[in-house]
Amino acid sequence: MKRLLTYIFIFGVILLAACSSPQYFHDTSSFERQKELKNTRSANVFGDIFLGVTSVCMAAAFDGEVEFYPTEQQFKKIILINPTQDTMYVNMLTDLYWDESNYCDFMDIRIPPKMECKVVVPMNANYNLYFSPTPESHDDEMLEIFTSDIKRIALKPNLTTLGDNNK
């Protein structure tokens, strides 16, 4: 019994850590939007699991075939990695609307040195990702990303510089 309680406790801690709020989001609207996206993604996953189990049970009970087609994935996790010794300031801008009047942008993400940040984003979306080791915008670097094509991004300074054209 004691061992079972230990396993339940460990599972609960892992579940709470997986469902924790985005800790590196310092813009209130971006923080709330990220929580909404995580909740929507979780609801979609649990809904698919429930429908799959129900479909299998119904097929077994009525001696039929399993006819379950999962919903198309709508969101995915992108990992932003800060390999530098400085805090990285990140803004992610898109032309995709989240609701009637707001874009699905994420502003003021601050990633500590040698850490990573998981961001849930919509699938098939184009984002302009601006990042720099300073909070000012004059030295930002920009990457264009398509969310379906990428999983991890290491935000290294001078990543977008192609070469010295001043020679």
C-alpha atoms as a PDB file:
ATOM      1  CA  MET A   1       0.000   0.000   0.000  1.00  0.00           C
ATOM      2  CA  LYS A   2       2.820   2.357   0.879  1.00  0.00           C
ATOM      3  CA  ARG A   3       4.510   1.626  -2.442  1.00  0.00           C
ATOM      4  CA  LEU A   4       1.301   2.396  -4.343  1.00  0.00           C
ATOM      5  CA  LEU A   5       0.989   5.751  -2.574  1.00  0.00           C
ATOM      6  CA  THR A   6       4.596   6.525  -3.480  1.00  0.00           C
ATOM      7  CA  TYR A   7       3.899   5.816  -7.157  1.00  0.00           C
ATOM      8  CA  ILE A   8       0.750   7.932  -7.084  1.00  0.00           C
ATOM      9  CA  PHE A   9       2.679  10.794  -5.462  1.00  0.00           C
ATOM     10  CA  ILE A  10       5.474  10.593  -8.060  1.00  0.00           C
ATOM     11  CA  PHE A  11       2.920  10.490 -10.877  1.00  0.00           C
ATOM     12  CA  GLY A  12       1.148  13.526  -9.393  1.00  0.00           C
ATOM     13  CA  VAL A  13       4.396  15.504  -9.167  1.00  0.00           C
ATOM     14  CA  ILE A  14       5.255  14.661 -12.784  1.00  0.00           C
ATOM     15  CA  LEU A  15       1.746  15.601 -13.896  1.00  0.00           C
ATOM     16  CA  LEU A  16       1.879  18.923 -12.048  1.00  0.00           C
ATOM     17  CA  ALA A  17       5.306  19.710 -13.508  1.00  0.00           C
ATOM     18  CA  ALA A  18       4.027  18.942 -17.000  1.00  0.00           C
ATOM     19  CA  CYS A  19       0.988  21.174 -16.477  1.00  0.00           C
ATOM     20  CA  SER A  20       2.868  24.053 -14.851  1.00  0.00           C
ATOM     21  CA  SER A  21       2.366  27.544 -16.165  1.00  0.00           C
ATOM     22  CA  PRO A  22       4.882  29.018 -18.570  1.00  0.00           C
ATOM     23  CA  GLN A  23       7.406  30.534 -16.178  1.00  0.00           C
ATOM     24  CA  TYR A  24       9.408  32.591 -18.678  1.00  0.00           C
ATOM     25  CA  PHE A  25       6.479  34.606 -20.069  1.00  0.00           C
ATOM     26  CA  HIS A  26       6.484  38.116 -18.587  1.00  0.00           C
ATOM     27  CA  ASP A  27       3.747  39.653 -20.771  1.00  0.00           C
ATOM     28  CA  THR A  28       0.356  39.031 -19.141  1.00  0.00           C
ATOM     29  CA  SER A  29      -1.635  38.502 -22.346  1.00  0.00           C
ATOM     30  CA  SER A  30       1.043  36.159 -23.764  1.00  0.00           C
ATOM     31  CA  PHE A  31       1.109  34.230 -20.490  1.00  0.00           C
ATOM     32  CA  GLU A  32      -2.681  33.792 -20.549  1.00  0.00           C
ATOM     33  CA  ARG A  33      -2.658  32.856 -24.254  1.00  0.00           C
ATOM     34  CA  GLN A  34       0.026  30.213 -23.606  1.00  0.00           C
ATOM     35  CA  LYS A  35      -2.052  28.725 -20.777  1.00  0.00           C
ATOM     36  CA  GLU A  36      -5.123  28.636 -23.064  1.00  0.00           C
ATOM     37  CA  LEU A  37      -3.158  26.893 -25.821  1.00  0.00           C
ATOM     38  CA  LYS A  38      -1.800  24.309 -23.368  1.00  0.00           C
ATOM     39  CA  ASN A  39      -5.285  23.638 -21.995  1.00  0.00           C
ATOM     40  CA  THR A  40      -6.778  23.328 -25.484  1.00  0.00           C
ATOM     41  CA  ARG A  41      -3.981  20.969 -26.562  1.00  0.00           C
ATOM     42  CA  SER A  42      -4.468  18.845 -23.427  1.00  0.00           C
ATOM     43  CA  ALA A  43      -8.228  18.713 -23.972  1.00  0.00           C
ATOM     44  CA  ASN A  44      -7.690  17.547 -27.566  1.00  0.00           C
ATOM     45  CA  VAL A  45      -5.309  14.785 -26.449  1.00  0.00           C
ATOM     46  CA  PHE A  46      -7.594  13.550 -23.655  1.00  0.00           C
ATOM     47  CA  GLY A  47     -10.600  13.734 -26.000  1.00  0.00           C
ATOM     48  CA  ASP A  48      -8.811  11.561 -28.577  1.00  0.00           C
ATOM     49  CA  ILE A  49      -7.814   9.050 -25.885  1.00  0.00           C
ATOM     50  CA  PHE A  50     -11.389   8.884 -24.589  1.00  0.00           C
ATOM     51  CA  LEU A  51     -12.845   8.425 -28.074  1.00  0.00           C
ATOM     52  CA  GLY A  52     -10.253   5.753 -28.888  1.00  0.00           C
ATOM     53  CA  VAL A  53     -10.966   3.737 -25.748  1.00  0.00           C
ATOM     54  CA  THR A  54     -14.722   4.114 -26.262  1.00  0.00           C
ATOM     55  CA  SER A  55     -14.405   2.970 -29.868  1.00  0.00           C
ATOM     56  CA  VAL A  56     -12.420  -0.124 -28.852  1.00  0.00           C
ATOM     57  CA  CYS A  57     -14.911  -0.986 -26.097  1.00  0.00           C
ATOM     58  CA  MET A  58     -17.889  -0.571 -28.423  1.00  0.00           C
ATOM     59  CA  ALA A  59     -16.217  -2.697 -31.094  1.00  0.00           C
ATOM     60  CA  ALA A  60     -15.509  -5.439 -28.544  1.00  0.00           C
ATOM     61  CA  ALA A  61     -19.023  -5.298 -27.069  1.00  0.00           C
ATOM     62  CA  PHE A  62     -20.817  -5.440 -30.416  1.00  0.00           C
ATOM     63  CA  ASP A  63     -18.268  -7.649 -32.201  1.00  0.00           C
ATOM     64  CA  GLY A  64     -17.505  -4.986 -34.753  1.00  0.00           C
ATOM     65  CA  GLU A  65     -14.485  -3.166 -36.111  1.00  0.00           C
ATOM     66  CA  VAL A  66     -12.688  -0.285 -34.488  1.00  0.00           C
ATOM     67  CA  GLU A  67     -13.488   2.820 -36.476  1.00  0.00           C
ATOM     68  CA  PHE A  68     -11.663   5.646 -34.799  1.00  0.00           C
ATOM     69  CA  TYR A  69      -9.936   8.457 -36.634  1.00  0.00           C
ATOM     70  CA  PRO A  70      -8.033  10.871 -34.384  1.00  0.00           C
ATOM     71  CA  THR A  71      -8.503  14.574 -34.909  1.00  0.00           C
ATOM     72  CA  GLU A  72      -5.836  16.411 -36.833  1.00  0.00           C
ATOM     73  CA  GLN A  73      -3.193  17.897 -34.587  1.00  0.00           C
ATOM     74  CA  GLN A  74      -3.784  21.622 -34.061  1.00  0.00           C
ATOM     75  CA  PHE A  75      -0.939  22.584 -31.724  1.00  0.00           C
ATOM     76  CA  LYS A  76       2.647  21.564 -31.091  1.00  0.00           C
ATOM     77  CA  LYS A  77       5.469  22.324 -28.697  1.00  0.00           C
ATOM     78  CA  ILE A  78       8.543  24.205 -29.849  1.00  0.00           C
ATOM     79  CA  ILE A  79      11.594  24.309 -27.605  1.00  0.00           C
ATOM     80  CA  LEU A  80      13.547  27.573 -27.536  1.00  0.00           C
ATOM     81  CA  ILE A  81      17.091  26.976 -26.290  1.00  0.00           C
ATOM     82  CA  ASN A  82      19.351  29.665 -24.848  1.00  0.00           C
ATOM     83  CA  PRO A  83      22.944  28.343 -25.170  1.00  0.00           C
ATOM     84  CA  THR A  84      24.505  31.672 -24.098  1.00  0.00           C
ATOM     85  CA  GLN A  85      25.661  33.029 -20.735  1.00  0.00           C
ATOM     86  CA  ASP A  86      23.099  35.892 -20.954  1.00  0.00           C
ATOM     87  CA  THR A  87      19.345  36.016 -20.568  1.00  0.00           C
ATOM     88  CA  MET A  88      17.726  35.852 -24.002  1.00  0.00           C
ATOM     89  CA  TYR A  89      14.762  38.159 -24.721  1.00  0.00           C
ATOM     90  CA  VAL A  90      12.350  36.698 -27.283  1.00  0.00           C
ATOM     91  CA  ASN A  91       9.232  37.949 -29.105  1.00  0.00           C
ATOM     92  CA  MET A  92       7.245  35.738 -31.476  1.00  0.00           C
ATOM     93  CA  LEU A  93       4.931  37.509 -33.943  1.00  0.00           C
ATOM     94  CA  THR A  94       2.493  35.975 -36.412  1.00  0.00           C
ATOM     95  CA  ASP A  95      -0.388  37.029 -38.649  1.00  0.00           C
ATOM     96  CA  LEU A  96      -2.588  34.247 -37.247  1.00  0.00           C
ATOM     97  CA  TYR A  97      -5.529  35.316 -35.063  1.00  0.00           C
ATOM     98  CA  TRP A  98      -6.144  33.539 -31.745  1.00  0.00           C
ATOM     99  CA  ASP A  99      -9.533  35.160 -31.158  1.00  0.00           C
ATOM    100  CA  GLU A 100     -11.604  37.852 -32.875  1.00  0.00           C
ATOM    101  CA  SER A 101      -9.245  40.739 -32.139  1.00  0.00           C
ATOM    102  CA  ASN A 102      -5.895  39.328 -30.975  1.00  0.00           C
ATOM    103  CA  TYR A 103      -3.052  37.708 -32.833  1.00  0.00           C
ATOM    104  CA  CYS A 104      -1.429  34.565 -31.487  1.00  0.00           C
ATOM    105  CA  ASP A 105       1.748  36.497 -30.623  1.00  0.00           C
ATOM    106  CA  PHE A 106       4.015  35.801 -27.671  1.00  0.00           C
ATOM    107  CA  MET A 107       5.818  38.811 -26.279  1.00  0.00           C
ATOM    108  CA  ASP A 108       8.466  39.289 -23.583  1.00  0.00           C
ATOM    109  CA  ILE A 109       9.729  35.743 -23.191  1.00  0.00           C
ATOM    110  CA  ARG A 110      12.878  35.813 -21.032  1.00  0.00           C
ATOM    111  CA  ILE A 111      14.960  32.649 -21.151  1.00  0.00           C
ATOM    112  CA  PRO A 112      17.711  32.428 -18.487  1.00  0.00           C
ATOM    113  CA  PRO A 113      21.267  31.402 -19.453  1.00  0.00           C
ATOM    114  CA  LYS A 114      21.732  27.758 -20.486  1.00  0.00           C
ATOM    115  CA  MET A 115      17.993  27.050 -20.123  1.00  0.00           C
ATOM    116  CA  GLU A 116      15.181  26.198 -22.523  1.00  0.00           C
ATOM    117  CA  CYS A 117      11.567  27.275 -22.836  1.00  0.00           C
ATOM    118  CA  LYS A 118       8.724  25.194 -24.254  1.00  0.00           C
ATOM    119  CA  VAL A 119       6.174  27.180 -26.236  1.00  0.00           C
ATOM    120  CA  VAL A 120       2.906  25.689 -27.490  1.00  0.00           C
ATOM    121  CA  VAL A 121       2.117  27.141 -30.911  1.00  0.00           C
ATOM    122  CA  PRO A 122      -0.531  26.506 -33.584  1.00  0.00           C
ATOM    123  CA  MET A 123       0.389  24.103 -36.389  1.00  0.00           C
ATOM    124  CA  ASN A 124       0.964  25.470 -39.898  1.00  0.00           C
ATOM    125  CA  ALA A 125       1.714  28.996 -38.680  1.00  0.00           C
ATOM    126  CA  ASN A 126       4.455  31.367 -39.785  1.00  0.00           C
ATOM    127  CA  TYR A 127       6.232  33.199 -36.982  1.00  0.00           C
ATOM    128  CA  ASN A 128       8.801  35.961 -36.995  1.00  0.00           C
ATOM    129  CA  LEU A 129      10.980  35.190 -33.995  1.00  0.00           C
ATOM    130  CA  TYR A 130      12.929  38.190 -32.663  1.00  0.00           C
ATOM    131  CA  PHE A 131      15.654  37.556 -30.076  1.00  0.00           C
ATOM    132  CA  SER A 132      18.635  39.252 -28.464  1.00  0.00           C
ATOM    133  CA  PRO A 133      20.576  39.243 -25.190  1.00  0.00           C
ATOM    134  CA  THR A 134      19.338  42.766 -24.388  1.00  0.00           C
ATOM    135  CA  PRO A 135      15.784  43.999 -23.741  1.00  0.00           C
ATOM    136  CA  GLU A 136      16.146  46.800 -26.318  1.00  0.00           C
ATOM    137  CA  SER A 137      14.820  46.115 -29.805  1.00  0.00           C
ATOM    138  CA  HIS A 138      17.583  47.851 -31.826  1.00  0.00           C
ATOM    139  CA  ASP A 139      19.845  44.766 -31.805  1.00  0.00           C
ATOM    140  CA  ASP A 140      17.215  42.047 -32.310  1.00  0.00           C
ATOM    141  CA  GLU A 141      17.878  39.234 -34.723  1.00  0.00           C
ATOM    142  CA  MET A 142      14.967  37.785 -36.680  1.00  0.00           C
ATOM    143  CA  LEU A 143      14.229  34.232 -37.759  1.00  0.00           C
ATOM    144  CA  GLU A 144      11.250  33.235 -39.873  1.00  0.00           C
ATOM    145  CA  ILE A 145       9.917  29.859 -38.799  1.00  0.00           C
ATOM    146  CA  PHE A 146       7.092  27.623 -39.956  1.00  0.00           C
ATOM    147  CA  THR A 147       5.796  25.771 -36.907  1.00  0.00           C
ATOM    148  CA  SER A 148       5.142  22.468 -38.678  1.00  0.00           C
ATOM    149  CA  ASP A 149       8.783  22.217 -39.787  1.00  0.00           C
ATOM    150  CA  ILE A 150      10.627  22.859 -36.535  1.00  0.00           C
ATOM    151  CA  LYS A 151      10.862  21.376 -33.022  1.00  0.00           C
ATOM    152  CA  ARG A 152      13.909  23.009 -31.422  1.00  0.00           C
ATOM    153  CA  ILE A 153      15.666  26.325 -31.966  1.00  0.00           C
ATOM    154  CA  ALA A 154      18.998  27.271 -30.403  1.00  0.00           C
ATOM    155  CA  LEU A 155      19.016  31.070 -30.150  1.00  0.00           C
ATOM    156  CA  LYS A 156      22.680  31.857 -30.748  1.00  0.00           C
ATOM    157  CA  PRO A 157      23.866  35.447 -31.274  1.00  0.00           C
ATOM    158  CA  ASN A 158      24.746  36.234 -34.907  1.00  0.00           C
ATOM    159  CA  LEU A 159      22.657  33.259 -36.024  1.00  0.00           C
ATOM    160  CA  THR A 160      21.033  35.280 -38.793  1.00  0.00           C
ATOM    161  CA  THR A 161      24.198  37.108 -39.940  1.00  0.00           C
ATOM    162  CA  LEU A 162      25.308  35.688 -43.281  1.00  0.00           C
ATOM    163  CA  GLY A 163      28.689  37.357 -43.385  1.00  0.00           C
ATOM    164  CA  ASP A 164      30.500  40.666 -43.344  1.00  0.00           C
ATOM    165  CA  ASN A 165      29.376  42.625 -46.412  1.00  0.00           C
ATOM    166  CA  ASN A 166      31.305  45.780 -45.470  1.00  0.00           C
ATOM    167  CA  LYS A 167      34.618  44.693 -47.087  1.00  0.00           C
END
